[in-house]
PDB file of N, CA and C in Angstrom:
ATOM      1  N   MET A   1     -26.690 102.303 119.560  1.00  0.00           N
ATOM      2  CA  MET A   1     -25.392 101.966 118.961  1.00  0.00           C
ATOM      3  C   MET A   1     -25.202 100.467 119.187  1.00  0.00           C
ATOM      4  N   ASN A   2     -24.821  99.761 118.128  1.00  0.00           N
ATOM      5  CA  ASN A   2     -24.598  98.315 118.283  1.00  0.00           C
ATOM      6  C   ASN A   2     -23.130  98.023 118.569  1.00  0.00           C
ATOM      7  N   LYS A   3     -22.853  96.822 118.984  1.00  0.00           N
ATOM      8  CA  LYS A   3     -21.466  96.449 119.390  1.00  0.00           C
ATOM      9  C   LYS A   3     -20.435  96.571 118.308  1.00  0.00           C
ATOM     10  N   PRO A   4     -20.750  96.088 117.069  1.00  0.00           N
ATOM     11  CA  PRO A   4     -19.715  96.271 116.010  1.00  0.00           C
ATOM     12  C   PRO A   4     -19.410  97.763 115.733  1.00  0.00           C
ATOM     13  N   ASP A   5     -20.435  98.624 115.851  1.00  0.00           N
ATOM     14  CA  ASP A   5     -20.166 100.052 115.669  1.00  0.00           C
ATOM     15  C   ASP A   5     -19.226 100.585 116.725  1.00  0.00           C
ATOM     16  N   LEU A   6     -19.378 100.171 117.968  1.00  0.00           N
ATOM     17  CA  LEU A   6     -18.475 100.595 119.025  1.00  0.00           C
ATOM     18  C   LEU A   6     -17.068 100.092 118.791  1.00  0.00           C
ATOM     19  N   LEU A   7     -16.923  98.885 118.288  1.00  0.00           N
ATOM     20  CA  LEU A   7     -15.642  98.326 117.903  1.00  0.00           C
ATOM     21  C   LEU A   7     -14.968  99.215 116.814  1.00  0.00           C
ATOM     22  N   GLN A   8     -15.719  99.551 115.800  1.00  0.00           N
ATOM     23  CA  GLN A   8     -15.187 100.380 114.735  1.00  0.00           C
ATOM     24  C   GLN A   8     -14.796 101.756 115.260  1.00  0.00           C
ATOM     25  N   LEU A   9     -15.620 102.279 116.138  1.00  0.00           N
ATOM     26  CA  LEU A   9     -15.330 103.658 116.700  1.00  0.00           C
ATOM     27  C   LEU A   9     -14.057 103.670 117.520  1.00  0.00           C
ATOM     28  N   LEU A  10     -13.829 102.568 118.277  1.00  0.00           N
ATOM     29  CA  LEU A  10     -12.598 102.475 119.063  1.00  0.00           C
ATOM     30  C   LEU A  10     -11.402 102.465 118.126  1.00  0.00           C
ATOM     31  N   ILE A  11     -11.472 101.731 117.053  1.00  0.00           N
ATOM     32  CA  ILE A  11     -10.350 101.678 116.114  1.00  0.00           C
ATOM     33  C   ILE A  11     -10.164 103.055 115.443  1.00  0.00           C
ATOM     34  N   TYR A  12     -11.271 103.727 115.122  1.00  0.00           N
ATOM     35  CA  TYR A  12     -11.190 105.045 114.509  1.00  0.00           C
ATOM     36  C   TYR A  12     -10.592 106.113 115.387  1.00  0.00           C
ATOM     37  N   ALA A  13     -10.817 105.981 116.677  1.00  0.00           N
ATOM     38  CA  ALA A  13     -10.449 107.100 117.668  1.00  0.00           C
ATOM     39  C   ALA A  13      -8.918 107.350 117.634  1.00  0.00           C
ATOM     40  N   ARG A  14      -8.668 108.556 117.966  1.00  0.00           N
ATOM     41  CA  ARG A  14      -7.265 108.977 118.025  1.00  0.00           C
ATOM     42  C   ARG A  14      -6.649 108.442 119.332  1.00  0.00           C
ATOM     43  N   GLY A  15      -5.376 108.003 119.237  1.00  0.00           N
ATOM     44  CA  GLY A  15      -4.622 107.532 120.415  1.00  0.00           C
ATOM     45  C   GLY A  15      -3.502 108.539 120.650  1.00  0.00           C
ATOM     46  N   SER A  16      -2.417 108.065 121.146  1.00  0.00           N
ATOM     47  CA  SER A  16      -1.300 108.925 121.501  1.00  0.00           C
ATOM     48  C   SER A  16      -0.688 109.660 120.301  1.00  0.00           C
ATOM     49  N   SER A  17      -0.833 109.056 119.095  1.00  0.00           N
ATOM     50  CA  SER A  17      -0.261 109.716 117.929  1.00  0.00           C
ATOM     51  C   SER A  17      -1.133 110.880 117.431  1.00  0.00           C
ATOM     52  N   GLN A  18      -2.338 110.970 117.987  1.00  0.00           N
ATOM     53  CA  GLN A  18      -3.274 112.033 117.587  1.00  0.00           C
ATOM     54  C   GLN A  18      -3.741 111.917 116.149  1.00  0.00           C
ATOM     55  N   ARG A  19      -3.692 110.719 115.547  1.00  0.00           N
ATOM     56  CA  ARG A  19      -4.170 110.482 114.200  1.00  0.00           C
ATOM     57  C   ARG A  19      -5.432 109.603 114.232  1.00  0.00           C
ATOM     58  N   ASP A  20      -6.366 109.982 113.365  1.00  0.00           N
ATOM     59  CA  ASP A  20      -7.533 109.117 113.294  1.00  0.00           C
ATOM     60  C   ASP A  20      -7.114 107.750 112.772  1.00  0.00           C
ATOM     61  N   ASN A  21      -7.809 106.651 113.203  1.00  0.00           N
ATOM     62  CA  ASN A  21      -7.566 105.339 112.703  1.00  0.00           C
ATOM     63  C   ASN A  21      -6.186 104.811 113.152  1.00  0.00           C
ATOM     64  N   GLU A  22      -5.721 105.201 114.319  1.00  0.00           N
ATOM     65  CA  GLU A  22      -4.476 104.690 114.832  1.00  0.00           C
ATOM     66  C   GLU A  22      -4.572 103.206 115.106  1.00  0.00           C
ATOM     67  N   SER A  23      -3.572 102.490 114.646  1.00  0.00           N
ATOM     68  CA  SER A  23      -3.615 101.022 114.714  1.00  0.00           C
ATOM     69  C   SER A  23      -3.670 100.516 116.187  1.00  0.00           C
ATOM     70  N   ILE A  24      -4.443  99.487 116.381  1.00  0.00           N
ATOM     71  CA  ILE A  24      -4.392  98.768 117.664  1.00  0.00           C
ATOM     72  C   ILE A  24      -3.569  97.542 117.390  1.00  0.00           C
ATOM     73  N   SER A  25      -2.496  97.357 118.176  1.00  0.00           N
ATOM     74  CA  SER A  25      -1.426  96.411 117.789  1.00  0.00           C
ATOM     75  C   SER A  25      -1.794  94.986 117.879  1.00  0.00           C
ATOM     76  N   SER A  26      -2.710  94.558 118.697  1.00  0.00           N
ATOM     77  CA  SER A  26      -3.008  93.112 118.860  1.00  0.00           C
ATOM     78  C   SER A  26      -4.421  92.842 119.306  1.00  0.00           C
ATOM     79  N   LYS A  27      -4.819  91.626 119.217  1.00  0.00           N
ATOM     80  CA  LYS A  27      -6.168  91.250 119.732  1.00  0.00           C
ATOM     81  C   LYS A  27      -6.192  91.445 121.254  1.00  0.00           C
ATOM     82  N   ASN A  28      -5.129  91.188 121.919  1.00  0.00           N
ATOM     83  CA  ASN A  28      -5.092  91.386 123.392  1.00  0.00           C
ATOM     84  C   ASN A  28      -5.347  92.838 123.760  1.00  0.00           C
ATOM     85  N   HIS A  29      -4.681  93.739 123.032  1.00  0.00           N
ATOM     86  CA  HIS A  29      -4.883  95.155 123.281  1.00  0.00           C
ATOM     87  C   HIS A  29      -6.328  95.534 122.979  1.00  0.00           C
ATOM     88  N   LEU A  30      -6.837  95.042 121.856  1.00  0.00           N
ATOM     89  CA  LEU A  30      -8.205  95.343 121.482  1.00  0.00           C
ATOM     90  C   LEU A  30      -9.204  94.825 122.536  1.00  0.00           C
ATOM     91  N   GLN A  31      -9.037  93.671 122.972  1.00  0.00           N
ATOM     92  CA  GLN A  31      -9.925  93.078 124.016  1.00  0.00           C
ATOM     93  C   GLN A  31      -9.861  93.921 125.251  1.00  0.00           C
ATOM     94  N   LYS A  32      -8.655  94.251 125.716  1.00  0.00           N
ATOM     95  CA  LYS A  32      -8.508  95.042 126.978  1.00  0.00           C
ATOM     96  C   LYS A  32      -9.083  96.458 126.818  1.00  0.00           C
ATOM     97  N   GLU A  33      -8.858  97.121 125.678  1.00  0.00           N
ATOM     98  CA  GLU A  33      -9.393  98.445 125.498  1.00  0.00           C
ATOM     99  C   GLU A  33     -10.921  98.420 125.456  1.00  0.00           C
ATOM    100  N   MET A  34     -11.515  97.453 124.805  1.00  0.00           N
ATOM    101  CA  MET A  34     -12.951  97.362 124.773  1.00  0.00           C
ATOM    102  C   MET A  34     -13.527  97.061 126.197  1.00  0.00           C
ATOM    103  N   PHE A  35     -12.849  96.223 126.948  1.00  0.00           N
ATOM    104  CA  PHE A  35     -13.233  95.950 128.312  1.00  0.00           C
ATOM    105  C   PHE A  35     -13.198  97.219 129.139  1.00  0.00           C
ATOM    106  N   LEU A  36     -12.118  97.957 129.085  1.00  0.00           N
ATOM    107  CA  LEU A  36     -11.968  99.200 129.864  1.00  0.00           C
ATOM    108  C   LEU A  36     -12.998 100.267 129.390  1.00  0.00           C
ATOM    109  N   LEU A  37     -13.272 100.301 128.134  1.00  0.00           N
ATOM    110  CA  LEU A  37     -14.240 101.215 127.625  1.00  0.00           C
ATOM    111  C   LEU A  37     -15.634 100.934 128.244  1.00  0.00           C
ATOM    112  N   SER A  38     -15.926  99.656 128.365  1.00  0.00           N
ATOM    113  CA  SER A  38     -17.238  99.295 128.942  1.00  0.00           C
ATOM    114  C   SER A  38     -17.310  99.455 130.465  1.00  0.00           C
ATOM    115  N   LYS A  39     -16.176  99.604 131.103  1.00  0.00           N
ATOM    116  CA  LYS A  39     -16.144  99.702 132.565  1.00  0.00           C
ATOM    117  C   LYS A  39     -15.912 101.131 133.095  1.00  0.00           C
ATOM    118  N   GLU A  40     -15.167 101.921 132.372  1.00  0.00           N
ATOM    119  CA  GLU A  40     -14.647 103.173 132.920  1.00  0.00           C
ATOM    120  C   GLU A  40     -15.265 104.445 132.254  1.00  0.00           C
ATOM    121  N   THR A  41     -16.124 104.287 131.333  1.00  0.00           N
ATOM    122  CA  THR A  41     -16.568 105.456 130.558  1.00  0.00           C
ATOM    123  C   THR A  41     -18.111 105.579 130.420  1.00  0.00           C
ATOM    124  N   VAL A  42     -18.542 106.559 129.720  1.00  0.00           N
ATOM    125  CA  VAL A  42     -20.010 106.740 129.464  1.00  0.00           C
ATOM    126  C   VAL A  42     -20.589 105.538 128.702  1.00  0.00           C
ATOM    127  N   PHE A  43     -19.725 104.728 128.115  1.00  0.00           N
ATOM    128  CA  PHE A  43     -20.228 103.541 127.428  1.00  0.00           C
ATOM    129  C   PHE A  43     -20.592 102.384 128.375  1.00  0.00           C
ATOM    130  N   SER A  44     -20.376 102.556 129.644  1.00  0.00           N
ATOM    131  CA  SER A  44     -20.765 101.558 130.638  1.00  0.00           C
ATOM    132  C   SER A  44     -22.291 101.367 130.672  1.00  0.00           C
ATOM    133  N   LYS A  45     -23.031 102.373 130.199  1.00  0.00           N
ATOM    134  CA  LYS A  45     -24.467 102.332 130.135  1.00  0.00           C
ATOM    135  C   LYS A  45     -24.996 101.674 128.864  1.00  0.00           C
ATOM    136  N   VAL A  46     -24.121 101.416 127.911  1.00  0.00           N
ATOM    137  CA  VAL A  46     -24.473 100.773 126.653  1.00  0.00           C
ATOM    138  C   VAL A  46     -24.305  99.275 126.822  1.00  0.00           C
ATOM    139  N   GLU A  47     -25.283  98.520 126.304  1.00  0.00           N
ATOM    140  CA  GLU A  47     -25.151  97.099 126.411  1.00  0.00           C
ATOM    141  C   GLU A  47     -23.945  96.663 125.556  1.00  0.00           C
ATOM    142  N   GLY A  48     -22.913  96.122 126.194  1.00  0.00           N
ATOM    143  CA  GLY A  48     -21.703  95.802 125.495  1.00  0.00           C
ATOM    144  C   GLY A  48     -21.374  94.313 125.508  1.00  0.00           C
ATOM    145  N   TYR A  49     -20.147  94.033 125.221  1.00  0.00           N
ATOM    146  CA  TYR A  49     -19.698  92.659 125.196  1.00  0.00           C
ATOM    147  C   TYR A  49     -19.603  92.068 126.598  1.00  0.00           C
ATOM    148  N   ASN A  50     -19.794  90.822 126.751  1.00  0.00           N
ATOM    149  CA  ASN A  50     -19.564  90.072 128.002  1.00  0.00           C
ATOM    150  C   ASN A  50     -18.129  89.508 127.995  1.00  0.00           C
ATOM    151  N   PHE A  51     -17.410  89.847 129.040  1.00  0.00           N
ATOM    152  CA  PHE A  51     -16.043  89.418 129.157  1.00  0.00           C
ATOM    153  C   PHE A  51     -15.882  88.445 130.243  1.00  0.00           C
ATOM    154  N   VAL A  52     -14.918  87.514 130.047  1.00  0.00           N
ATOM    155  CA  VAL A  52     -14.587  86.535 131.056  1.00  0.00           C
ATOM    156  C   VAL A  52     -13.059  86.622 131.248  1.00  0.00           C
ATOM    157  N   PRO A  53     -12.613  86.260 132.473  1.00  0.00           N
ATOM    158  CA  PRO A  53     -11.156  86.226 132.717  1.00  0.00           C
ATOM    159  C   PRO A  53     -10.495  85.167 131.746  1.00  0.00           C
ATOM    160  N   HIS A  54      -9.338  85.579 131.260  1.00  0.00           N
ATOM    161  CA  HIS A  54      -8.617  84.651 130.312  1.00  0.00           C
ATOM    162  C   HIS A  54      -7.156  84.798 130.594  1.00  0.00           C
ATOM    163  N   TYR A  55      -6.343  84.019 129.905  1.00  0.00           N
ATOM    164  CA  TYR A  55      -4.899  83.959 130.157  1.00  0.00           C
ATOM    165  C   TYR A  55      -4.262  85.360 130.179  1.00  0.00           C
ATOM    166  N   TYR A  56      -4.557  86.171 129.182  1.00  0.00           N
ATOM    167  CA  TYR A  56      -3.904  87.459 129.058  1.00  0.00           C
ATOM    168  C   TYR A  56      -4.803  88.630 129.413  1.00  0.00           C
ATOM    169  N   GLY A  57      -5.858  88.389 130.119  1.00  0.00           N
ATOM    170  CA  GLY A  57      -6.746  89.479 130.512  1.00  0.00           C
ATOM    171  C   GLY A  57      -8.189  89.160 130.068  1.00  0.00           C
ATOM    172  N   PRO A  58      -9.046  90.226 130.114  1.00  0.00           N
ATOM    173  CA  PRO A  58     -10.452  89.994 129.775  1.00  0.00           C
ATOM    174  C   PRO A  58     -10.613  89.558 128.331  1.00  0.00           C
ATOM    175  N   PHE A  59     -11.563  88.666 128.104  1.00  0.00           N
ATOM    176  CA  PHE A  59     -11.801  88.105 126.730  1.00  0.00           C
ATOM    177  C   PHE A  59     -13.275  88.000 126.513  1.00  0.00           C
ATOM    178  N   SER A  60     -13.692  88.427 125.279  1.00  0.00           N
ATOM    179  CA  SER A  60     -15.086  88.237 124.840  1.00  0.00           C
ATOM    180  C   SER A  60     -15.106  87.502 123.523  1.00  0.00           C
ATOM    181  N   ARG A  61     -15.729  86.336 123.549  1.00  0.00           N
ATOM    182  CA  ARG A  61     -15.841  85.554 122.338  1.00  0.00           C
ATOM    183  C   ARG A  61     -16.619  86.298 121.298  1.00  0.00           C
ATOM    184  N   GLU A  62     -17.683  86.983 121.741  1.00  0.00           N
ATOM    185  CA  GLU A  62     -18.530  87.749 120.799  1.00  0.00           C
ATOM    186  C   GLU A  62     -17.737  88.899 120.119  1.00  0.00           C
ATOM    187  N   LEU A  63     -16.859  89.579 120.888  1.00  0.00           N
ATOM    188  CA  LEU A  63     -16.023  90.610 120.287  1.00  0.00           C
ATOM    189  C   LEU A  63     -15.099  90.036 119.281  1.00  0.00           C
ATOM    190  N   ASP A  64     -14.522  88.870 119.609  1.00  0.00           N
ATOM    191  CA  ASP A  64     -13.624  88.184 118.655  1.00  0.00           C
ATOM    192  C   ASP A  64     -14.382  87.786 117.349  1.00  0.00           C
ATOM    193  N   ARG A  65     -15.596  87.352 117.474  1.00  0.00           N
ATOM    194  CA  ARG A  65     -16.416  87.004 116.330  1.00  0.00           C
ATOM    195  C   ARG A  65     -16.750  88.201 115.514  1.00  0.00           C
ATOM    196  N   ASP A  66     -17.142  89.307 116.166  1.00  0.00           N
ATOM    197  CA  ASP A  66     -17.452  90.500 115.418  1.00  0.00           C
ATOM    198  C   ASP A  66     -16.213  91.053 114.685  1.00  0.00           C
ATOM    199  N   LEU A  67     -15.078  90.971 115.358  1.00  0.00           N
ATOM    200  CA  LEU A  67     -13.821  91.446 114.713  1.00  0.00           C
ATOM    201  C   LEU A  67     -13.537  90.626 113.451  1.00  0.00           C
ATOM    202  N   MET A  68     -13.699  89.296 113.518  1.00  0.00           N
ATOM    203  CA  MET A  68     -13.446  88.458 112.315  1.00  0.00           C
ATOM    204  C   MET A  68     -14.486  88.776 111.257  1.00  0.00           C
ATOM    205  N   GLU A  69     -15.739  89.017 111.558  1.00  0.00           N
ATOM    206  CA  GLU A  69     -16.720  89.338 110.523  1.00  0.00           C
ATOM    207  C   GLU A  69     -16.443  90.719 109.908  1.00  0.00           C
ATOM    208  N   LEU A  70     -15.971  91.653 110.675  1.00  0.00           N
ATOM    209  CA  LEU A  70     -15.600  92.983 110.095  1.00  0.00           C
ATOM    210  C   LEU A  70     -14.383  92.893 109.197  1.00  0.00           C
ATOM    211  N   ILE A  71     -13.457  92.035 109.555  1.00  0.00           N
ATOM    212  CA  ILE A  71     -12.310  91.800 108.686  1.00  0.00           C
ATOM    213  C   ILE A  71     -12.726  91.129 107.373  1.00  0.00           C
ATOM    214  N   GLU A  72     -13.504  90.084 107.483  1.00  0.00           N
ATOM    215  CA  GLU A  72     -14.019  89.389 106.274  1.00  0.00           C
ATOM    216  C   GLU A  72     -14.877  90.281 105.423  1.00  0.00           C
ATOM    217  N   SER A  73     -15.585  91.244 105.954  1.00  0.00           N
ATOM    218  CA  SER A  73     -16.438  92.072 105.164  1.00  0.00           C
ATOM    219  C   SER A  73     -15.690  93.308 104.625  1.00  0.00           C
ATOM    220  N   GLY A  74     -14.396  93.407 104.884  1.00  0.00           N
ATOM    221  CA  GLY A  74     -13.603  94.485 104.328  1.00  0.00           C
ATOM    222  C   GLY A  74     -13.692  95.814 105.064  1.00  0.00           C
ATOM    223  N   ILE A  75     -14.154  95.818 106.309  1.00  0.00           N
ATOM    224  CA  ILE A  75     -14.261  97.021 107.114  1.00  0.00           C
ATOM    225  C   ILE A  75     -12.988  97.278 107.912  1.00  0.00           C
ATOM    226  N   ILE A  76     -12.410  96.187 108.456  1.00  0.00           N
ATOM    227  CA  ILE A  76     -11.167  96.261 109.237  1.00  0.00           C
ATOM    228  C   ILE A  76     -10.077  95.505 108.547  1.00  0.00           C
ATOM    229  N   ASN A  77      -8.903  96.135 108.593  1.00  0.00           N
ATOM    230  CA  ASN A  77      -7.665  95.532 108.066  1.00  0.00           C
ATOM    231  C   ASN A  77      -6.833  95.013 109.251  1.00  0.00           C
ATOM    232  N   GLU A  78      -6.266  93.815 109.123  1.00  0.00           N
ATOM    233  CA  GLU A  78      -5.496  93.290 110.244  1.00  0.00           C
ATOM    234  C   GLU A  78      -4.019  93.218 109.983  1.00  0.00           C
ATOM    235  N   GLU A  79      -3.520  93.918 108.970  1.00  0.00           N
ATOM    236  CA  GLU A  79      -2.096  93.927 108.635  1.00  0.00           C
ATOM    237  C   GLU A  79      -1.465  95.010 109.622  1.00  0.00           C
ATOM    238  N   ASP A  80      -0.405  94.663 110.259  1.00  0.00           N
ATOM    239  CA  ASP A  80       0.290  95.590 111.209  1.00  0.00           C
ATOM    240  C   ASP A  80      -0.645  96.151 112.241  1.00  0.00           C
ATOM    241  N   GLY A  81      -1.409  95.264 112.867  1.00  0.00           N
ATOM    242  CA  GLY A  81      -2.379  95.672 113.854  1.00  0.00           C
ATOM    243  C   GLY A  81      -3.733  95.798 113.234  1.00  0.00           C
ATOM    244  N   PHE A  82      -4.643  96.432 113.928  1.00  0.00           N
ATOM    245  CA  PHE A  82      -6.001  96.563 113.375  1.00  0.00           C
ATOM    246  C   PHE A  82      -6.318  98.016 113.078  1.00  0.00           C
ATOM    247  N   THR A  83      -6.659  98.275 111.828  1.00  0.00           N
ATOM    248  CA  THR A  83      -7.081  99.584 111.384  1.00  0.00           C
ATOM    249  C   THR A  83      -8.344  99.460 110.503  1.00  0.00           C
ATOM    250  N   LEU A  84      -8.968 100.554 110.234  1.00  0.00           N
ATOM    251  CA  LEU A  84     -10.084 100.539 109.308  1.00  0.00           C
ATOM    252  C   LEU A  84      -9.572 100.612 107.873  1.00  0.00           C
ATOM    253  N   THR A  85     -10.252  99.889 106.966  1.00  0.00           N
ATOM    254  CA  THR A  85      -9.951 100.027 105.534  1.00  0.00           C
ATOM    255  C   THR A  85     -10.505 101.382 105.101  1.00  0.00           C
ATOM    256  N   PRO A  86     -10.212 101.813 103.889  1.00  0.00           N
ATOM    257  CA  PRO A  86     -10.802 103.055 103.412  1.00  0.00           C
ATOM    258  C   PRO A  86     -12.305 103.074 103.463  1.00  0.00           C
ATOM    259  N   VAL A  87     -12.945 101.970 103.124  1.00  0.00           N
ATOM    260  CA  VAL A  87     -14.407 101.861 103.159  1.00  0.00           C
ATOM    261  C   VAL A  87     -14.878 101.955 104.617  1.00  0.00           C
ATOM    262  N   GLY A  88     -14.186 101.245 105.517  1.00  0.00           N
ATOM    263  CA  GLY A  88     -14.532 101.257 106.940  1.00  0.00           C
ATOM    264  C   GLY A  88     -14.296 102.623 107.564  1.00  0.00           C
ATOM    265  N   PHE A  89     -13.271 103.309 107.103  1.00  0.00           N
ATOM    266  CA  PHE A  89     -12.970 104.641 107.613  1.00  0.00           C
ATOM    267  C   PHE A  89     -14.073 105.636 107.286  1.00  0.00           C
ATOM    268  N   ARG A  90     -14.479 105.602 106.036  1.00  0.00           N
ATOM    269  CA  ARG A  90     -15.565 106.504 105.629  1.00  0.00           C
ATOM    270  C   ARG A  90     -16.884 106.295 106.377  1.00  0.00           C
ATOM    271  N   SER A  91     -17.270 105.031 106.517  1.00  0.00           N
ATOM    272  CA  SER A  91     -18.557 104.755 107.216  1.00  0.00           C
ATOM    273  C   SER A  91     -18.431 105.030 108.720  1.00  0.00           C
ATOM    274  N   THR A  92     -17.292 104.796 109.262  1.00  0.00           N
ATOM    275  CA  THR A  92     -17.096 105.024 110.710  1.00  0.00           C
ATOM    276  C   THR A  92     -17.010 106.550 110.996  1.00  0.00           C
ATOM    277  N   GLN A  93     -16.409 107.299 110.058  1.00  0.00           N
ATOM    278  CA  GLN A  93     -16.302 108.735 110.214  1.00  0.00           C
ATOM    279  C   GLN A  93     -17.694 109.378 110.383  1.00  0.00           C
ATOM    280  N   GLN A  94     -18.665 108.903 109.620  1.00  0.00           N
ATOM    281  CA  GLN A  94     -20.021 109.360 109.761  1.00  0.00           C
ATOM    282  C   GLN A  94     -20.565 109.056 111.161  1.00  0.00           C
ATOM    283  N   LYS A  95     -20.295 107.892 111.651  1.00  0.00           N
ATOM    284  CA  LYS A  95     -20.783 107.470 112.996  1.00  0.00           C
ATOM    285  C   LYS A  95     -20.106 108.334 114.038  1.00  0.00           C
ATOM    286  N   TRP A  96     -18.758 108.578 113.884  1.00  0.00           N
ATOM    287  CA  TRP A  96     -18.021 109.402 114.798  1.00  0.00           C
ATOM    288  C   TRP A  96     -18.613 110.822 114.891  1.00  0.00           C
ATOM    289  N   ASN A  97     -18.941 111.340 113.730  1.00  0.00           N
ATOM    290  CA  ASN A  97     -19.500 112.739 113.691  1.00  0.00           C
ATOM    291  C   ASN A  97     -20.836 112.858 114.381  1.00  0.00           C
ATOM    292  N   SER A  98     -21.537 111.723 114.561  1.00  0.00           N
ATOM    293  CA  SER A  98     -22.855 111.776 115.229  1.00  0.00           C
ATOM    294  C   SER A  98     -22.715 111.626 116.728  1.00  0.00           C
ATOM    295  N   LEU A  99     -21.523 111.274 117.253  1.00  0.00           N
ATOM    296  CA  LEU A  99     -21.317 111.131 118.699  1.00  0.00           C
ATOM    297  C   LEU A  99     -21.301 112.495 119.396  1.00  0.00           C
ATOM    298  N   ASP A 100     -21.668 112.464 120.675  1.00  0.00           N
ATOM    299  CA  ASP A 100     -21.498 113.729 121.445  1.00  0.00           C
ATOM    300  C   ASP A 100     -20.050 113.814 121.956  1.00  0.00           C
ATOM    301  N   GLN A 101     -19.690 114.942 122.438  1.00  0.00           N
ATOM    302  CA  GLN A 101     -18.295 115.201 122.851  1.00  0.00           C
ATOM    303  C   GLN A 101     -17.821 114.259 123.929  1.00  0.00           C
ATOM    304  N   SER A 102     -18.657 113.911 124.840  1.00  0.00           N
ATOM    305  CA  SER A 102     -18.253 113.057 125.976  1.00  0.00           C
ATOM    306  C   SER A 102     -17.925 111.626 125.473  1.00  0.00           C
ATOM    307  N   GLN A 103     -18.680 111.188 124.466  1.00  0.00           N
ATOM    308  CA  GLN A 103     -18.371 109.839 123.898  1.00  0.00           C
ATOM    309  C   GLN A 103     -17.085 109.882 123.127  1.00  0.00           C
ATOM    310  N   LYS A 104     -16.843 110.911 122.368  1.00  0.00           N
ATOM    311  CA  LYS A 104     -15.594 111.064 121.617  1.00  0.00           C
ATOM    312  C   LYS A 104     -14.398 111.087 122.590  1.00  0.00           C
ATOM    313  N   LEU A 105     -14.519 111.835 123.636  1.00  0.00           N
ATOM    314  CA  LEU A 105     -13.460 111.966 124.639  1.00  0.00           C
ATOM    315  C   LEU A 105     -13.174 110.619 125.308  1.00  0.00           C
ATOM    316  N   ALA A 106     -14.229 109.876 125.644  1.00  0.00           N
ATOM    317  CA  ALA A 106     -14.078 108.529 126.285  1.00  0.00           C
ATOM    318  C   ALA A 106     -13.332 107.601 125.389  1.00  0.00           C
ATOM    319  N   LEU A 107     -13.716 107.545 124.125  1.00  0.00           N
ATOM    320  CA  LEU A 107     -12.989 106.635 123.160  1.00  0.00           C
ATOM    321  C   LEU A 107     -11.543 107.010 123.060  1.00  0.00           C
ATOM    322  N   SER A 108     -11.286 108.314 122.878  1.00  0.00           N
ATOM    323  CA  SER A 108      -9.916 108.773 122.641  1.00  0.00           C
ATOM    324  C   SER A 108      -9.083 108.557 123.929  1.00  0.00           C
ATOM    325  N   ARG A 109      -9.689 108.808 125.090  1.00  0.00           N
ATOM    326  CA  ARG A 109      -8.978 108.643 126.349  1.00  0.00           C
ATOM    327  C   ARG A 109      -8.504 107.205 126.580  1.00  0.00           C
ATOM    328  N   ILE A 110      -9.394 106.272 126.330  1.00  0.00           N
ATOM    329  CA  ILE A 110      -9.019 104.869 126.506  1.00  0.00           C
ATOM    330  C   ILE A 110      -7.934 104.467 125.488  1.00  0.00           C
ATOM    331  N   LYS A 111      -8.100 104.894 124.259  1.00  0.00           N
ATOM    332  CA  LYS A 111      -7.109 104.521 123.265  1.00  0.00           C
ATOM    333  C   LYS A 111      -5.745 105.214 123.526  1.00  0.00           C
ATOM    334  N   GLU A 112      -5.774 106.444 123.963  1.00  0.00           N
ATOM    335  CA  GLU A 112      -4.543 107.176 124.262  1.00  0.00           C
ATOM    336  C   GLU A 112      -3.809 106.543 125.427  1.00  0.00           C
ATOM    337  N   ARG A 113      -4.555 106.152 126.442  1.00  0.00           N
ATOM    338  CA  ARG A 113      -3.941 105.631 127.663  1.00  0.00           C
ATOM    339  C   ARG A 113      -3.464 104.173 127.571  1.00  0.00           C
ATOM    340  N   TYR A 114      -4.220 103.332 126.844  1.00  0.00           N
ATOM    341  CA  TYR A 114      -3.940 101.934 126.883  1.00  0.00           C
ATOM    342  C   TYR A 114      -3.426 101.309 125.560  1.00  0.00           C
ATOM    343  N   ASN A 115      -3.459 102.067 124.489  1.00  0.00           N
ATOM    344  CA  ASN A 115      -3.044 101.479 123.208  1.00  0.00           C
ATOM    345  C   ASN A 115      -1.551 101.396 123.064  1.00  0.00           C
TER     346      ASN A 115
END
C-alpha cells in the first residue's frame, strides 16, 4: 500500500457520524490523524510519512504534497474540509474492500476518536 492510498483510505473511513467519506475539517486534523495512524495501529508496520514537530503538532511535508496532488488530480475535494470526490470515492471504495478487518477498524478508530 502506498502513502497516497493510505491518505485516501483515512478520508474514506467512517468517523463518529458513521458515514463513509466523513469530512476531515482541517490540514492540522489530517496531519495529526495520519501521525496517530502510523504510531498507534497496525499501520505502524507500513512505511509511512516522516513527521517532524511543528507549531500545531506533527507535520509531514510529504503528506502535504500528496494531499495537494490528490486535490489537483480531482481525487480529494477541499471544500468544507477534506472529502473524496465521486471519482475518488469509487476508487478508494475498491481499496477499502481489499483491506482486512483489523486495518478497517484501525482507520475507523483513529478517525472516530480524533476527527
